[in-house]
Amino acid sequence: MRTLNPVKRHRERCRQARAQMSQYLDGELEPRAAGRIERHVRWCPDCRRMLANLRRTVTGLGALRDLPAPNGSQG
């Protein structure tokens, strides 16, 4: 059953968007689902900030992959 309370509806949309952010960044979502994420973060500052932080984290971790392994460690 859908709730009519706008605060609860917003929280539910945030929850759904946040659950799919990693998949969105990896390009694993269907276009319709990706569009929902994009529309949501356009007007939700909290989720927009969370997506930006996740994007920076993923980018930073990707950059680590390109670094040579320290001496004595297994790669």
C-alpha atoms as a PDB file:
ATOM      1  CA  MET A   1       0.000   0.000   0.000  1.00  0.00           C
ATOM      2  CA  ARG A   2       1.351   3.411  -0.956  1.00  0.00           C
ATOM      3  CA  THR A   3       1.550   6.018   1.705  1.00  0.00           C
ATOM      4  CA  LEU A   4       0.196   9.499   1.159  1.00  0.00           C
ATOM      5  CA  ASN A   5       2.476  11.062   3.763  1.00  0.00           C
ATOM      6  CA  PRO A   6       5.011  13.047   1.703  1.00  0.00           C
ATOM      7  CA  VAL A   7       7.783  12.676   4.287  1.00  0.00           C
ATOM      8  CA  LYS A   8       7.422   8.898   4.395  1.00  0.00           C
ATOM      9  CA  ARG A   9       7.205   8.752   0.597  1.00  0.00           C
ATOM     10  CA  HIS A  10      10.410  10.811   0.315  1.00  0.00           C
ATOM     11  CA  ARG A  11      12.220   8.577   2.813  1.00  0.00           C
ATOM     12  CA  GLU A  12      11.139   5.499   0.883  1.00  0.00           C
ATOM     13  CA  ARG A  13      12.398   6.981  -2.380  1.00  0.00           C
ATOM     14  CA  CYS A  14      15.700   7.825  -0.686  1.00  0.00           C
ATOM     15  CA  ARG A  15      15.980   4.294   0.636  1.00  0.00           C
ATOM     16  CA  GLN A  16      15.331   2.843  -2.818  1.00  0.00           C
ATOM     17  CA  ALA A  17      17.773   5.222  -4.521  1.00  0.00           C
ATOM     18  CA  ARG A  18      20.540   4.555  -2.006  1.00  0.00           C
ATOM     19  CA  ALA A  19      20.100   0.796  -2.337  1.00  0.00           C
ATOM     20  CA  GLN A  20      20.826   1.065  -6.070  1.00  0.00           C
ATOM     21  CA  MET A  21      23.589   3.683  -6.149  1.00  0.00           C
ATOM     22  CA  SER A  22      26.473   1.220  -6.528  1.00  0.00           C
ATOM     23  CA  GLN A  23      24.692  -0.536  -9.364  1.00  0.00           C
ATOM     24  CA  TYR A  24      23.974   2.844 -10.942  1.00  0.00           C
ATOM     25  CA  LEU A  25      27.641   3.849 -10.846  1.00  0.00           C
ATOM     26  CA  ASP A  26      28.658   0.470 -12.272  1.00  0.00           C
ATOM     27  CA  GLY A  27      26.187   0.879 -15.157  1.00  0.00           C
ATOM     28  CA  GLU A  28      24.272  -2.224 -14.098  1.00  0.00           C
ATOM     29  CA  LEU A  29      20.776  -0.699 -13.920  1.00  0.00           C
ATOM     30  CA  GLU A  30      18.178  -0.779 -16.635  1.00  0.00           C
ATOM     31  CA  PRO A  31      17.700   2.655 -18.237  1.00  0.00           C
ATOM     32  CA  ARG A  32      14.383   3.204 -16.483  1.00  0.00           C
ATOM     33  CA  ALA A  33      15.846   2.468 -13.039  1.00  0.00           C
ATOM     34  CA  ALA A  34      18.899   4.637 -13.790  1.00  0.00           C
ATOM     35  CA  GLY A  35      16.551   7.446 -14.777  1.00  0.00           C
ATOM     36  CA  ARG A  36      14.765   7.185 -11.439  1.00  0.00           C
ATOM     37  CA  ILE A  37      18.098   7.567  -9.623  1.00  0.00           C
ATOM     38  CA  GLU A  38      19.037  10.571 -11.762  1.00  0.00           C
ATOM     39  CA  ARG A  39      15.683  12.272 -11.201  1.00  0.00           C
ATOM     40  CA  HIS A  40      15.802  11.623  -7.469  1.00  0.00           C
ATOM     41  CA  VAL A  41      19.310  12.981  -6.916  1.00  0.00           C
ATOM     42  CA  ARG A  42      18.442  16.048  -8.988  1.00  0.00           C
ATOM     43  CA  TRP A  43      16.093  17.271  -6.235  1.00  0.00           C
ATOM     44  CA  CYS A  44      17.310  15.415  -3.127  1.00  0.00           C
ATOM     45  CA  PRO A  45      20.446  17.079  -1.700  1.00  0.00           C
ATOM     46  CA  ASP A  46      21.161  14.254   0.769  1.00  0.00           C
ATOM     47  CA  CYS A  47      21.116  11.556  -1.897  1.00  0.00           C
ATOM     48  CA  ARG A  48      23.004  13.793  -4.347  1.00  0.00           C
ATOM     49  CA  ARG A  49      25.741  14.213  -1.723  1.00  0.00           C
ATOM     50  CA  MET A  50      25.762  10.471  -0.998  1.00  0.00           C
ATOM     51  CA  LEU A  51      26.071   9.642  -4.700  1.00  0.00           C
ATOM     52  CA  ALA A  52      28.913  12.147  -5.114  1.00  0.00           C
ATOM     53  CA  ASN A  53      30.746  10.650  -2.113  1.00  0.00           C
ATOM     54  CA  LEU A  54      30.256   7.129  -3.422  1.00  0.00           C
ATOM     55  CA  ARG A  55      31.475   8.208  -6.866  1.00  0.00           C
ATOM     56  CA  ARG A  56      34.626   9.728  -5.318  1.00  0.00           C
ATOM     57  CA  THR A  57      35.228   6.564  -3.286  1.00  0.00           C
ATOM     58  CA  VAL A  58      34.856   4.304  -6.310  1.00  0.00           C
ATOM     59  CA  THR A  59      37.139   6.552  -8.368  1.00  0.00           C
ATOM     60  CA  GLY A  60      39.750   6.605  -5.598  1.00  0.00           C
ATOM     61  CA  LEU A  61      39.679   2.848  -5.196  1.00  0.00           C
ATOM     62  CA  GLY A  62      39.994   2.447  -8.945  1.00  0.00           C
ATOM     63  CA  ALA A  63      43.094   4.637  -8.904  1.00  0.00           C
ATOM     64  CA  LEU A  64      44.670   2.379  -6.261  1.00  0.00           C
ATOM     65  CA  ARG A  65      44.381  -0.532  -8.652  1.00  0.00           C
ATOM     66  CA  ASP A  66      46.828   1.217 -11.002  1.00  0.00           C
ATOM     67  CA  LEU A  67      49.515   1.713  -8.330  1.00  0.00           C
ATOM     68  CA  PRO A  68      52.367  -0.781  -8.098  1.00  0.00           C
ATOM     69  CA  ALA A  69      52.250  -3.079  -5.092  1.00  0.00           C
ATOM     70  CA  PRO A  70      54.685  -2.227  -2.270  1.00  0.00           C
ATOM     71  CA  ASN A  71      57.827  -4.385  -2.008  1.00  0.00           C
ATOM     72  CA  GLY A  72      57.254  -7.647  -0.223  1.00  0.00           C
ATOM     73  CA  SER A  73      53.513  -7.752  -0.747  1.00  0.00           C
ATOM     74  CA  GLN A  74      51.578 -10.067  -2.973  1.00  0.00           C
ATOM     75  CA  GLY A  75      49.675  -8.496  -5.870  1.00  0.00           C
END
